[in-house]
PDB file of N, CA and C in Angstrom:
ATOM      1  N   MET A   1      78.933  86.359 126.037  1.00  0.00           N
ATOM      2  CA  MET A   1      79.080  86.516 124.850  1.00  0.00           C
ATOM      3  C   MET A   1      80.545  87.489 124.726  1.00  0.00           C
ATOM      4  N   THR A   2      80.873  87.964 125.741  1.00  0.00           N
ATOM      5  CA  THR A   2      82.208  88.639 125.857  1.00  0.00           C
ATOM      6  C   THR A   2      83.221  87.656 125.945  1.00  0.00           C
ATOM      7  N   ARG A   3      83.169  86.535 126.637  1.00  0.00           N
ATOM      8  CA  ARG A   3      83.817  85.209 126.491  1.00  0.00           C
ATOM      9  C   ARG A   3      84.321  84.877 125.129  1.00  0.00           C
ATOM     10  N   MET A   4      83.441  84.711 124.427  1.00  0.00           N
ATOM     11  CA  MET A   4      83.192  83.948 123.207  1.00  0.00           C
ATOM     12  C   MET A   4      84.060  85.326 122.225  1.00  0.00           C
ATOM     13  N   TYR A   5      83.491  86.244 122.362  1.00  0.00           N
ATOM     14  CA  TYR A   5      84.494  87.275 121.393  1.00  0.00           C
ATOM     15  C   TYR A   5      85.938  87.511 121.698  1.00  0.00           C
ATOM     16  N   ALA A   6      86.227  87.446 123.196  1.00  0.00           N
ATOM     17  CA  ALA A   6      87.791  87.380 123.616  1.00  0.00           C
ATOM     18  C   ALA A   6      88.372  86.374 122.859  1.00  0.00           C
ATOM     19  N   GLY A   7      87.873  85.062 123.284  1.00  0.00           N
ATOM     20  CA  GLY A   7      88.333  83.837 122.583  1.00  0.00           C
ATOM     21  C   GLY A   7      88.600  83.914 121.058  1.00  0.00           C
ATOM     22  N   SER A   8      87.592  84.510 120.196  1.00  0.00           N
ATOM     23  CA  SER A   8      87.826  84.502 118.839  1.00  0.00           C
ATOM     24  C   SER A   8      88.956  85.539 118.496  1.00  0.00           C
ATOM     25  N   VAL A   9      89.009  86.548 119.284  1.00  0.00           N
ATOM     26  CA  VAL A   9      90.288  87.620 119.004  1.00  0.00           C
ATOM     27  C   VAL A   9      91.804  86.801 119.214  1.00  0.00           C
ATOM     28  N   ILE A  10      91.446  86.215 120.236  1.00  0.00           N
ATOM     29  CA  ILE A  10      93.008  85.232 120.572  1.00  0.00           C
ATOM     30  C   ILE A  10      93.337  84.323 119.991  1.00  0.00           C
ATOM     31  N   ALA A  11      92.163  83.788 119.167  1.00  0.00           N
ATOM     32  CA  ALA A  11      92.294  82.637 118.434  1.00  0.00           C
ATOM     33  C   ALA A  11      92.885  83.180 117.047  1.00  0.00           C
ATOM     34  N   MET A  12      92.401  84.512 116.490  1.00  0.00           N
ATOM     35  CA  MET A  12      92.783  84.905 115.263  1.00  0.00           C
ATOM     36  C   MET A  12      94.301  85.435 115.430  1.00  0.00           C
ATOM     37  N   LEU A  13      94.717  86.002 116.362  1.00  0.00           N
ATOM     38  CA  LEU A  13      96.098  86.427 116.977  1.00  0.00           C
ATOM     39  C   LEU A  13      96.964  85.291 116.777  1.00  0.00           C
ATOM     40  N   VAL A  14      96.719  84.167 117.488  1.00  0.00           N
ATOM     41  CA  VAL A  14      97.466  82.912 117.342  1.00  0.00           C
ATOM     42  C   VAL A  14      97.506  82.523 116.133  1.00  0.00           C
ATOM     43  N   LEU A  15      96.564  82.305 115.161  1.00  0.00           N
ATOM     44  CA  LEU A  15      96.656  81.675 113.791  1.00  0.00           C
ATOM     45  C   LEU A  15      97.198  82.662 112.903  1.00  0.00           C
ATOM     46  N   ALA A  16      97.037  83.986 113.237  1.00  0.00           N
ATOM     47  CA  ALA A  16      97.900  85.115 112.194  1.00  0.00           C
ATOM     48  C   ALA A  16      99.465  84.895 112.226  1.00  0.00           C
ATOM     49  N   GLY A  17      99.868  84.506 113.179  1.00  0.00           N
ATOM     50  CA  GLY A  17     101.512  84.077 113.371  1.00  0.00           C
ATOM     51  C   GLY A  17     102.130  85.140 114.032  1.00  0.00           C
ATOM     52  N   PRO A  18     103.416  85.232 113.616  1.00  0.00           N
ATOM     53  CA  PRO A  18     104.252  86.469 114.537  1.00  0.00           C
ATOM     54  C   PRO A  18     103.846  87.789 113.582  1.00  0.00           C
ATOM     55  N   VAL A  19     103.968  88.802 114.424  1.00  0.00           N
ATOM     56  CA  VAL A  19     103.767  90.321 113.830  1.00  0.00           C
ATOM     57  C   VAL A  19     104.675  90.518 113.133  1.00  0.00           C
ATOM     58  N   ALA A  20     104.138  91.300 111.871  1.00  0.00           N
ATOM     59  CA  ALA A  20     105.038  91.662 110.951  1.00  0.00           C
ATOM     60  C   ALA A  20     106.032  92.768 111.582  1.00  0.00           C
ATOM     61  N   GLN A  21     106.991  93.033 110.886  1.00  0.00           N
ATOM     62  CA  GLN A  21     108.167  94.339 111.438  1.00  0.00           C
ATOM     63  C   GLN A  21     107.472  95.385 111.253  1.00  0.00           C
ATOM     64  N   ALA A  22     107.646  96.265 112.125  1.00  0.00           N
ATOM     65  CA  ALA A  22     107.270  97.781 112.368  1.00  0.00           C
ATOM     66  C   ALA A  22     107.722  98.450 111.148  1.00  0.00           C
ATOM     67  N   ASP A  23     106.662  99.607 110.862  1.00  0.00           N
ATOM     68  CA  ASP A  23     107.378 100.270 109.523  1.00  0.00           C
ATOM     69  C   ASP A  23     108.569 101.143 110.173  1.00  0.00           C
ATOM     70  N   GLY A  24     109.494 101.432 108.965  1.00  0.00           N
ATOM     71  CA  GLY A  24     110.467 101.928 109.405  1.00  0.00           C
ATOM     72  C   GLY A  24     110.345 103.402 109.929  1.00  0.00           C
ATOM     73  N   ASP A  25     111.391 104.222 110.563  1.00  0.00           N
ATOM     74  CA  ASP A  25     111.254 105.491 111.201  1.00  0.00           C
ATOM     75  C   ASP A  25     112.228 106.480 110.225  1.00  0.00           C
ATOM     76  N   PRO A  26     111.644 107.335 109.685  1.00  0.00           N
ATOM     77  CA  PRO A  26     112.534 108.045 108.473  1.00  0.00           C
ATOM     78  C   PRO A  26     113.749 108.752 109.475  1.00  0.00           C
ATOM     79  N   VAL A  27     113.235 109.321 110.363  1.00  0.00           N
ATOM     80  CA  VAL A  27     114.192 110.068 111.387  1.00  0.00           C
ATOM     81  C   VAL A  27     115.475 109.213 111.721  1.00  0.00           C
ATOM     82  N   MET A  28     115.310 108.070 112.247  1.00  0.00           N
ATOM     83  CA  MET A  28     116.403 107.112 112.645  1.00  0.00           C
ATOM     84  C   MET A  28     117.036 106.737 111.221  1.00  0.00           C
ATOM     85  N   GLY A  29     116.122 106.437 110.216  1.00  0.00           N
ATOM     86  CA  GLY A  29     117.027 106.404 108.796  1.00  0.00           C
ATOM     87  C   GLY A  29     117.641 107.363 108.294  1.00  0.00           C
ATOM     88  N   LYS A  30     117.654 108.676 108.379  1.00  0.00           N
ATOM     89  CA  LYS A  30     118.310 109.876 107.960  1.00  0.00           C
ATOM     90  C   LYS A  30     119.696 109.621 109.029  1.00  0.00           C
ATOM     91  N   ARG A  31     119.578 109.428 110.045  1.00  0.00           N
ATOM     92  CA  ARG A  31     120.997 109.289 111.080  1.00  0.00           C
ATOM     93  C   ARG A  31     121.633 107.902 110.410  1.00  0.00           C
ATOM     94  N   LEU A  32     121.174 107.070 110.093  1.00  0.00           N
ATOM     95  CA  LEU A  32     121.868 105.704 109.763  1.00  0.00           C
ATOM     96  C   LEU A  32     122.338 105.993 108.288  1.00  0.00           C
ATOM     97  N   PHE A  33     121.560 106.861 107.558  1.00  0.00           N
ATOM     98  CA  PHE A  33     121.802 106.927 106.021  1.00  0.00           C
ATOM     99  C   PHE A  33     123.277 107.817 106.083  1.00  0.00           C
ATOM    100  N   ALA A  34     123.652 108.326 107.054  1.00  0.00           N
ATOM    101  CA  ALA A  34     124.710 109.016 107.138  1.00  0.00           C
ATOM    102  C   ALA A  34     126.094 108.455 106.632  1.00  0.00           C
ATOM    103  N   GLN A  35     126.210 107.102 106.832  1.00  0.00           N
ATOM    104  CA  GLN A  35     127.318 106.440 106.796  1.00  0.00           C
ATOM    105  C   GLN A  35     126.861 106.020 105.092  1.00  0.00           C
ATOM    106  N   CYS A  36     126.024 106.056 104.639  1.00  0.00           N
ATOM    107  CA  CYS A  36     125.905 105.976 103.019  1.00  0.00           C
ATOM    108  C   CYS A  36     126.119 106.934 102.404  1.00  0.00           C
ATOM    109  N   GLY A  37     125.901 108.229 102.902  1.00  0.00           N
ATOM    110  CA  GLY A  37     125.948 109.944 102.266  1.00  0.00           C
ATOM    111  C   GLY A  37     127.578 109.998 102.070  1.00  0.00           C
ATOM    112  N   SER A  38     128.496 109.208 102.676  1.00  0.00           N
ATOM    113  CA  SER A  38     129.851 109.505 101.930  1.00  0.00           C
ATOM    114  C   SER A  38     130.136 109.095 100.760  1.00  0.00           C
ATOM    115  N   CYS A  39     129.174 108.296 100.087  1.00  0.00           N
ATOM    116  CA  CYS A  39     129.214 107.853  98.722  1.00  0.00           C
ATOM    117  C   CYS A  39     128.048 108.270  97.681  1.00  0.00           C
ATOM    118  N   HIS A  40     127.004 108.333  98.538  1.00  0.00           N
ATOM    119  CA  HIS A  40     125.608 108.546  97.744  1.00  0.00           C
ATOM    120  C   HIS A  40     125.028 109.948  98.299  1.00  0.00           C
ATOM    121  N   THR A  41     124.343 110.582  97.574  1.00  0.00           N
ATOM    122  CA  THR A  41     123.453 111.596  97.739  1.00  0.00           C
ATOM    123  C   THR A  41     121.881 111.376  97.554  1.00  0.00           C
ATOM    124  N   THR A  42     121.271 112.331  98.153  1.00  0.00           N
ATOM    125  CA  THR A  42     119.804 111.838  97.621  1.00  0.00           C
ATOM    126  C   THR A  42     119.267 113.062  96.727  1.00  0.00           C
ATOM    127  N   GLN A  43     120.243 114.001  96.248  1.00  0.00           N
ATOM    128  CA  GLN A  43     119.641 115.285  95.582  1.00  0.00           C
ATOM    129  C   GLN A  43     119.612 114.881  94.180  1.00  0.00           C
ATOM    130  N   ALA A  44     118.937 115.610  93.444  1.00  0.00           N
ATOM    131  CA  ALA A  44     118.870 115.225  91.863  1.00  0.00           C
ATOM    132  C   ALA A  44     119.765 115.574  91.333  1.00  0.00           C
ATOM    133  N   ASP A  45     120.611 116.613  91.826  1.00  0.00           N
ATOM    134  CA  ASP A  45     122.170 117.045  91.320  1.00  0.00           C
ATOM    135  C   ASP A  45     123.315 116.546  92.099  1.00  0.00           C
ATOM    136  N   GLY A  46     123.073 115.338  92.648  1.00  0.00           N
ATOM    137  CA  GLY A  46     123.940 114.735  93.305  1.00  0.00           C
ATOM    138  C   GLY A  46     125.078 113.923  92.589  1.00  0.00           C
ATOM    139  N   SER A  47     125.851 114.572  91.795  1.00  0.00           N
ATOM    140  CA  SER A  47     126.987 114.092  91.021  1.00  0.00           C
ATOM    141  C   SER A  47     128.107 114.228  91.775  1.00  0.00           C
ATOM    142  N   GLY A  48     129.366 113.357  91.156  1.00  0.00           N
ATOM    143  CA  GLY A  48     130.783 113.816  91.846  1.00  0.00           C
ATOM    144  C   GLY A  48     130.901 112.886  93.202  1.00  0.00           C
ATOM    145  N   ARG A  49     129.938 111.953  93.597  1.00  0.00           N
ATOM    146  CA  ARG A  49     130.449 111.347  94.549  1.00  0.00           C
ATOM    147  C   ARG A  49     130.728 109.721  93.983  1.00  0.00           C
ATOM    148  N   ILE A  50     131.370 108.939  94.641  1.00  0.00           N
ATOM    149  CA  ILE A  50     131.887 107.603  94.553  1.00  0.00           C
ATOM    150  C   ILE A  50     130.373 106.899  93.830  1.00  0.00           C
ATOM    151  N   GLY A  51     129.436 106.830  94.588  1.00  0.00           N
ATOM    152  CA  GLY A  51     128.372 106.233  94.215  1.00  0.00           C
ATOM    153  C   GLY A  51     127.189 107.027  93.520  1.00  0.00           C
ATOM    154  N   PRO A  52     126.407 106.426  92.806  1.00  0.00           N
ATOM    155  CA  PRO A  52     125.359 107.397  92.141  1.00  0.00           C
ATOM    156  C   PRO A  52     124.462 107.919  93.104  1.00  0.00           C
ATOM    157  N   SER A  53     123.738 109.021  92.621  1.00  0.00           N
ATOM    158  CA  SER A  53     122.782 109.874  93.193  1.00  0.00           C
ATOM    159  C   SER A  53     121.595 108.822  93.713  1.00  0.00           C
ATOM    160  N   LEU A  54     120.672 108.694  94.645  1.00  0.00           N
ATOM    161  CA  LEU A  54     119.793 108.130  94.787  1.00  0.00           C
ATOM    162  C   LEU A  54     118.438 108.874  94.604  1.00  0.00           C
ATOM    163  N   HIS A  55     118.490 109.932  94.167  1.00  0.00           N
ATOM    164  CA  HIS A  55     117.281 110.692  93.805  1.00  0.00           C
ATOM    165  C   HIS A  55     116.485 109.974  92.882  1.00  0.00           C
ATOM    166  N   GLY A  56     115.212 109.619  92.826  1.00  0.00           N
ATOM    167  CA  GLY A  56     114.287 108.960  91.855  1.00  0.00           C
ATOM    168  C   GLY A  56     114.483 107.426  92.203  1.00  0.00           C
ATOM    169  N   LEU A  57     115.249 106.953  93.026  1.00  0.00           N
ATOM    170  CA  LEU A  57     115.512 105.786  93.124  1.00  0.00           C
ATOM    171  C   LEU A  57     114.413 104.576  93.136  1.00  0.00           C
ATOM    172  N   PHE A  58     113.167 104.647  93.728  1.00  0.00           N
ATOM    173  CA  PHE A  58     112.070 104.018  93.519  1.00  0.00           C
ATOM    174  C   PHE A  58     111.614 103.714  92.323  1.00  0.00           C
ATOM    175  N   GLY A  59     111.370 102.768  91.508  1.00  0.00           N
ATOM    176  CA  GLY A  59     110.909 102.404  90.370  1.00  0.00           C
ATOM    177  C   GLY A  59     111.888 102.580  89.189  1.00  0.00           C
ATOM    178  N   ARG A  60     113.076 102.882  89.447  1.00  0.00           N
ATOM    179  CA  ARG A  60     114.238 103.025  88.546  1.00  0.00           C
ATOM    180  C   ARG A  60     114.860 101.488  88.477  1.00  0.00           C
ATOM    181  N   LYS A  61     115.121 101.284  87.391  1.00  0.00           N
ATOM    182  CA  LYS A  61     115.814 100.098  87.037  1.00  0.00           C
ATOM    183  C   LYS A  61     117.325 100.351  87.541  1.00  0.00           C
ATOM    184  N   ALA A  62     117.530  99.219  88.223  1.00  0.00           N
ATOM    185  CA  ALA A  62     119.276  99.465  88.659  1.00  0.00           C
ATOM    186  C   ALA A  62     120.273  99.558  87.568  1.00  0.00           C
ATOM    187  N   GLY A  63     121.282 100.305  87.744  1.00  0.00           N
ATOM    188  CA  GLY A  63     122.526 100.622  86.800  1.00  0.00           C
ATOM    189  C   GLY A  63     121.706 101.357  85.358  1.00  0.00           C
ATOM    190  N   ALA A  64     120.753 101.910  85.810  1.00  0.00           N
ATOM    191  CA  ALA A  64     120.148 102.505  84.509  1.00  0.00           C
ATOM    192  C   ALA A  64     120.264 104.337  84.560  1.00  0.00           C
ATOM    193  N   LEU A  65     121.007 104.927  85.598  1.00  0.00           N
ATOM    194  CA  LEU A  65     121.174 106.251  85.663  1.00  0.00           C
ATOM    195  C   LEU A  65     121.959 106.822  84.973  1.00  0.00           C
ATOM    196  N   ASP A  66     121.514 107.864  84.310  1.00  0.00           N
ATOM    197  CA  ASP A  66     122.598 108.537  83.240  1.00  0.00           C
ATOM    198  C   ASP A  66     123.588 108.995  83.800  1.00  0.00           C
ATOM    199  N   GLY A  67     124.872 109.072  83.282  1.00  0.00           N
ATOM    200  CA  GLY A  67     126.215 109.759  83.918  1.00  0.00           C
ATOM    201  C   GLY A  67     126.814 109.080  84.738  1.00  0.00           C
ATOM    202  N   PHE A  68     126.406 107.852  85.506  1.00  0.00           N
ATOM    203  CA  PHE A  68     127.028 107.132  86.187  1.00  0.00           C
ATOM    204  C   PHE A  68     127.603 105.715  85.478  1.00  0.00           C
ATOM    205  N   ALA A  69     128.744 105.301  85.887  1.00  0.00           N
ATOM    206  CA  ALA A  69     129.508 104.010  85.345  1.00  0.00           C
ATOM    207  C   ALA A  69     129.290 103.075  86.208  1.00  0.00           C
ATOM    208  N   PHE A  70     128.008 102.366  86.055  1.00  0.00           N
ATOM    209  CA  PHE A  70     127.826 101.169  86.936  1.00  0.00           C
ATOM    210  C   PHE A  70     128.777  99.901  86.450  1.00  0.00           C
ATOM    211  N   SER A  71     128.679  98.845  87.488  1.00  0.00           N
ATOM    212  CA  SER A  71     129.182  97.753  86.955  1.00  0.00           C
ATOM    213  C   SER A  71     128.437  96.981  85.921  1.00  0.00           C
ATOM    214  N   ALA A  72     129.133  96.008  85.133  1.00  0.00           N
ATOM    215  CA  ALA A  72     128.186  95.022  84.174  1.00  0.00           C
ATOM    216  C   ALA A  72     127.077  94.504  84.834  1.00  0.00           C
ATOM    217  N   ALA A  73     127.585  93.807  86.385  1.00  0.00           N
ATOM    218  CA  ALA A  73     126.706  93.062  87.088  1.00  0.00           C
ATOM    219  C   ALA A  73     125.335  93.901  87.519  1.00  0.00           C
ATOM    220  N   MET A  74     125.727  95.171  87.649  1.00  0.00           N
ATOM    221  CA  MET A  74     124.311  95.978  88.319  1.00  0.00           C
ATOM    222  C   MET A  74     123.557  96.278  87.036  1.00  0.00           C
ATOM    223  N   GLN A  75     124.037  96.723  85.959  1.00  0.00           N
ATOM    224  CA  GLN A  75     123.234  96.805  84.732  1.00  0.00           C
ATOM    225  C   GLN A  75     122.593  95.530  83.946  1.00  0.00           C
ATOM    226  N   LYS A  76     123.013  94.481  84.561  1.00  0.00           N
ATOM    227  CA  LYS A  76     122.508  93.176  83.996  1.00  0.00           C
ATOM    228  C   LYS A  76     121.666  92.374  85.218  1.00  0.00           C
ATOM    229  N   SER A  77     121.362  93.028  86.198  1.00  0.00           N
ATOM    230  CA  SER A  77     120.679  92.414  87.256  1.00  0.00           C
ATOM    231  C   SER A  77     119.344  92.265  87.299  1.00  0.00           C
ATOM    232  N   GLY A  78     118.856  93.190  86.483  1.00  0.00           N
ATOM    233  CA  GLY A  78     116.933  93.024  86.340  1.00  0.00           C
ATOM    234  C   GLY A  78     116.459  93.690  87.423  1.00  0.00           C
ATOM    235  N   ILE A  79     116.886  94.260  88.283  1.00  0.00           N
ATOM    236  CA  ILE A  79     116.235  94.813  89.407  1.00  0.00           C
ATOM    237  C   ILE A  79     115.629  96.028  89.171  1.00  0.00           C
ATOM    238  N   VAL A  80     114.474  96.197  89.601  1.00  0.00           N
ATOM    239  CA  VAL A  80     113.869  97.499  89.710  1.00  0.00           C
ATOM    240  C   VAL A  80     113.604  97.929  91.357  1.00  0.00           C
ATOM    241  N   TRP A  81     114.321  98.864  91.847  1.00  0.00           N
ATOM    242  CA  TRP A  81     114.256  99.358  92.903  1.00  0.00           C
ATOM    243  C   TRP A  81     112.800  99.635  93.458  1.00  0.00           C
ATOM    244  N   ASP A  82     112.381  99.007  94.491  1.00  0.00           N
ATOM    245  CA  ASP A  82     111.288  98.944  95.572  1.00  0.00           C
ATOM    246  C   ASP A  82     111.782  98.702  96.727  1.00  0.00           C
ATOM    247  N   GLU A  83     110.830  98.858  97.762  1.00  0.00           N
ATOM    248  CA  GLU A  83     111.112  98.575  99.076  1.00  0.00           C
ATOM    249  C   GLU A  83     111.798  97.172  99.331  1.00  0.00           C
ATOM    250  N   ARG A  84     111.312  96.052  98.599  1.00  0.00           N
ATOM    251  CA  ARG A  84     111.550  94.807  98.559  1.00  0.00           C
ATOM    252  C   ARG A  84     113.066  94.448  98.377  1.00  0.00           C
ATOM    253  N   SER A  85     113.230  95.144  97.071  1.00  0.00           N
ATOM    254  CA  SER A  85     114.601  94.710  96.371  1.00  0.00           C
ATOM    255  C   SER A  85     115.749  95.583  97.080  1.00  0.00           C
ATOM    256  N   LEU A  86     115.308  96.795  97.430  1.00  0.00           N
ATOM    257  CA  LEU A  86     116.420  97.635  98.359  1.00  0.00           C
ATOM    258  C   LEU A  86     116.644  97.053  99.550  1.00  0.00           C
ATOM    259  N   ASP A  87     115.818  96.411 100.148  1.00  0.00           N
ATOM    260  CA  ASP A  87     115.919  95.592 101.452  1.00  0.00           C
ATOM    261  C   ASP A  87     116.879  94.508 101.263  1.00  0.00           C
ATOM    262  N   GLU A  88     116.800  93.690 100.329  1.00  0.00           N
ATOM    263  CA  GLU A  88     117.455  92.634 100.080  1.00  0.00           C
ATOM    264  C   GLU A  88     119.122  92.917  99.598  1.00  0.00           C
ATOM    265  N   TYR A  89     119.298  94.255  98.957  1.00  0.00           N
ATOM    266  CA  TYR A  89     120.263  94.542  98.356  1.00  0.00           C
ATOM    267  C   TYR A  89     121.048  95.152  99.498  1.00  0.00           C
ATOM    268  N   ILE A  90     120.489  95.928 100.359  1.00  0.00           N
ATOM    269  CA  ILE A  90     121.275  96.719 101.639  1.00  0.00           C
ATOM    270  C   ILE A  90     121.682  95.643 102.592  1.00  0.00           C
ATOM    271  N   LYS A  91     120.809  94.424 102.441  1.00  0.00           N
ATOM    272  CA  LYS A  91     121.163  93.589 103.643  1.00  0.00           C
ATOM    273  C   LYS A  91     122.698  92.731 103.224  1.00  0.00           C
ATOM    274  N   GLU A  92     122.732  92.390 101.978  1.00  0.00           N
ATOM    275  CA  GLU A  92     124.165  91.821 101.491  1.00  0.00           C
ATOM    276  C   GLU A  92     124.336  92.046 100.058  1.00  0.00           C
ATOM    277  N   PRO A  93     124.744  93.318  99.732  1.00  0.00           N
ATOM    278  CA  PRO A  93     124.993  93.715  98.260  1.00  0.00           C
ATOM    279  C   PRO A  93     125.735  93.075  97.341  1.00  0.00           C
ATOM    280  N   ALA A  94     126.859  92.316  97.790  1.00  0.00           N
ATOM    281  CA  ALA A  94     127.731  91.232  97.002  1.00  0.00           C
ATOM    282  C   ALA A  94     126.819  90.004  96.752  1.00  0.00           C
ATOM    283  N   SER A  95     126.180  89.524  97.606  1.00  0.00           N
ATOM    284  CA  SER A  95     125.266  88.424  97.294  1.00  0.00           C
ATOM    285  C   SER A  95     124.193  88.705  96.345  1.00  0.00           C
ATOM    286  N   ARG A  96     123.669  89.757  96.634  1.00  0.00           N
ATOM    287  CA  ARG A  96     122.617  89.978  95.735  1.00  0.00           C
ATOM    288  C   ARG A  96     122.987  90.321  94.289  1.00  0.00           C
ATOM    289  N   VAL A  97     123.991  91.075  94.211  1.00  0.00           N
ATOM    290  CA  VAL A  97     124.488  91.444  92.704  1.00  0.00           C
ATOM    291  C   VAL A  97     125.912  91.199  92.746  1.00  0.00           C
ATOM    292  N   PRO A  98     126.409  90.035  92.596  1.00  0.00           N
ATOM    293  CA  PRO A  98     127.686  89.472  92.526  1.00  0.00           C
ATOM    294  C   PRO A  98     128.388  90.531  91.653  1.00  0.00           C
ATOM    295  N   GLY A  99     129.422  90.763  91.712  1.00  0.00           N
ATOM    296  CA  GLY A  99     130.264  91.683  90.926  1.00  0.00           C
ATOM    297  C   GLY A  99     129.863  93.130  91.061  1.00  0.00           C
ATOM    298  N   THR A 100     129.192  93.597  91.900  1.00  0.00           N
ATOM    299  CA  THR A 100     128.741  95.027  92.122  1.00  0.00           C
ATOM    300  C   THR A 100     130.036  95.745  92.421  1.00  0.00           C
ATOM    301  N   LYS A 101     130.184  96.959  92.107  1.00  0.00           N
ATOM    302  CA  LYS A 101     131.235  97.570  92.346  1.00  0.00           C
ATOM    303  C   LYS A 101     131.344  98.204  93.884  1.00  0.00           C
ATOM    304  N   MET A 102     129.968  98.291  94.347  1.00  0.00           N
ATOM    305  CA  MET A 102     129.790  98.830  95.774  1.00  0.00           C
ATOM    306  C   MET A 102     130.459  97.811  96.776  1.00  0.00           C
ATOM    307  N   VAL A 103     131.422  98.648  97.596  1.00  0.00           N
ATOM    308  CA  VAL A 103     132.202  97.786  98.224  1.00  0.00           C
ATOM    309  C   VAL A 103     131.425  98.279  99.944  1.00  0.00           C
ATOM    310  N   PHE A 104     130.624  97.308 100.305  1.00  0.00           N
ATOM    311  CA  PHE A 104     129.875  97.631 101.296  1.00  0.00           C
ATOM    312  C   PHE A 104     129.325  96.417 101.811  1.00  0.00           C
ATOM    313  N   LEU A 105     129.613  96.067 103.069  1.00  0.00           N
ATOM    314  CA  LEU A 105     129.297  94.705 103.606  1.00  0.00           C
ATOM    315  C   LEU A 105     127.667  94.360 103.890  1.00  0.00           C
ATOM    316  N   GLY A 106     126.883  95.529 104.166  1.00  0.00           N
ATOM    317  CA  GLY A 106     125.561  95.406 104.219  1.00  0.00           C
ATOM    318  C   GLY A 106     124.931  95.916 105.467  1.00  0.00           C
ATOM    319  N   VAL A 107     123.655  95.905 105.684  1.00  0.00           N
ATOM    320  CA  VAL A 107     123.261  96.104 106.810  1.00  0.00           C
ATOM    321  C   VAL A 107     122.355  94.807 107.632  1.00  0.00           C
ATOM    322  N   GLN A 108     122.733  94.282 108.437  1.00  0.00           N
ATOM    323  CA  GLN A 108     122.207  93.146 108.898  1.00  0.00           C
ATOM    324  C   GLN A 108     120.980  92.978 109.762  1.00  0.00           C
ATOM    325  N   LYS A 109     120.859  94.399 110.438  1.00  0.00           N
ATOM    326  CA  LYS A 109     119.520  94.146 111.356  1.00  0.00           C
ATOM    327  C   LYS A 109     118.087  95.136 110.504  1.00  0.00           C
ATOM    328  N   ASP A 110     117.283  94.065 110.838  1.00  0.00           N
ATOM    329  CA  ASP A 110     116.026  94.335 109.822  1.00  0.00           C
ATOM    330  C   ASP A 110     115.410  95.735 109.898  1.00  0.00           C
ATOM    331  N   GLN A 111     115.598  96.233 111.361  1.00  0.00           N
ATOM    332  CA  GLN A 111     114.893  97.499 111.624  1.00  0.00           C
ATOM    333  C   GLN A 111     115.659  98.740 111.113  1.00  0.00           C
ATOM    334  N   ALA A 112     117.137  98.471 111.068  1.00  0.00           N
ATOM    335  CA  ALA A 112     117.760  99.614 110.358  1.00  0.00           C
ATOM    336  C   ALA A 112     117.555  99.438 109.011  1.00  0.00           C
ATOM    337  N   ARG A 113     117.459  98.667 108.375  1.00  0.00           N
ATOM    338  CA  ARG A 113     117.238  98.335 107.002  1.00  0.00           C
ATOM    339  C   ARG A 113     115.829  99.192 106.757  1.00  0.00           C
ATOM    340  N   ALA A 114     114.920  98.832 107.704  1.00  0.00           N
ATOM    341  CA  ALA A 114     113.612  99.495 107.352  1.00  0.00           C
ATOM    342  C   ALA A 114     113.595 101.138 107.670  1.00  0.00           C
ATOM    343  N   ASP A 115     114.436 101.335 108.641  1.00  0.00           N
ATOM    344  CA  ASP A 115     114.608 102.813 108.756  1.00  0.00           C
ATOM    345  C   ASP A 115     115.037 103.480 108.012  1.00  0.00           C
ATOM    346  N   ILE A 116     116.309 103.078 107.071  1.00  0.00           N
ATOM    347  CA  ILE A 116     116.899 103.800 106.222  1.00  0.00           C
ATOM    348  C   ILE A 116     116.123 103.721 104.901  1.00  0.00           C
ATOM    349  N   ILE A 117     115.116 102.660 104.483  1.00  0.00           N
ATOM    350  CA  ILE A 117     114.201 102.508 103.327  1.00  0.00           C
ATOM    351  C   ILE A 117     113.082 103.924 103.498  1.00  0.00           C
ATOM    352  N   ALA A 118     112.580 103.899 104.684  1.00  0.00           N
ATOM    353  CA  ALA A 118     111.592 104.847 105.110  1.00  0.00           C
ATOM    354  C   ALA A 118     112.015 106.145 104.763  1.00  0.00           C
ATOM    355  N   TYR A 119     113.302 106.382 105.329  1.00  0.00           N
ATOM    356  CA  TYR A 119     113.837 107.834 104.882  1.00  0.00           C
ATOM    357  C   TYR A 119     114.075 108.118 103.556  1.00  0.00           C
ATOM    358  N   LEU A 120     114.712 106.972 102.819  1.00  0.00           N
ATOM    359  CA  LEU A 120     114.771 107.092 101.381  1.00  0.00           C
ATOM    360  C   LEU A 120     113.686 107.077 100.501  1.00  0.00           C
ATOM    361  N   LYS A 121     112.451 106.873 101.227  1.00  0.00           N
ATOM    362  CA  LYS A 121     111.224 106.973 100.277  1.00  0.00           C
ATOM    363  C   LYS A 121     111.078 108.413 100.331  1.00  0.00           C
ATOM    364  N   GLU A 122     110.955 109.003 101.457  1.00  0.00           N
ATOM    365  CA  GLU A 122     110.839 110.490 101.663  1.00  0.00           C
ATOM    366  C   GLU A 122     112.021 111.460 100.931  1.00  0.00           C
ATOM    367  N   ALA A 123     113.210 111.005 101.206  1.00  0.00           N
ATOM    368  CA  ALA A 123     114.301 111.851 100.654  1.00  0.00           C
ATOM    369  C   ALA A 123     114.497 111.823  99.038  1.00  0.00           C
ATOM    370  N   THR A 124     114.275 110.877  98.667  1.00  0.00           N
ATOM    371  CA  THR A 124     114.617 110.400  97.104  1.00  0.00           C
ATOM    372  C   THR A 124     113.590 110.823  96.102  1.00  0.00           C
ATOM    373  N   GLN A 125     112.481 111.657  96.569  1.00  0.00           N
ATOM    374  CA  GLN A 125     111.486 111.960  95.709  1.00  0.00           C
ATOM    375  C   GLN A 125     111.777 113.012  94.641  1.00  0.00           C
TER     376      GLN A 125
END
């Protein structure tokens, strides 16, 4: 019986395919966000920087934060920020929203993006 059970478990793992990317680490994400922090803040009253405050980011429509002059491309992007859209955007901002004013090449490492997003989920509430 044990061999049959072990064989079933192995078969399920093989059929399941590759393991999904691990959850992000918000502590590491905070460290990585430091480079973003020169333009963005996570504070509700975080105005006065080059980029918009990211406070309340998740669930917000891109280009819709009052008091910030977004590019027309960002306003027309149709993006509503969630984990997936943010991951796609910070990977390659100019490709995701051609014409964006954000001058940033992106974060290519999957785990680094997951870490930043985990941090933002906590810090922007």
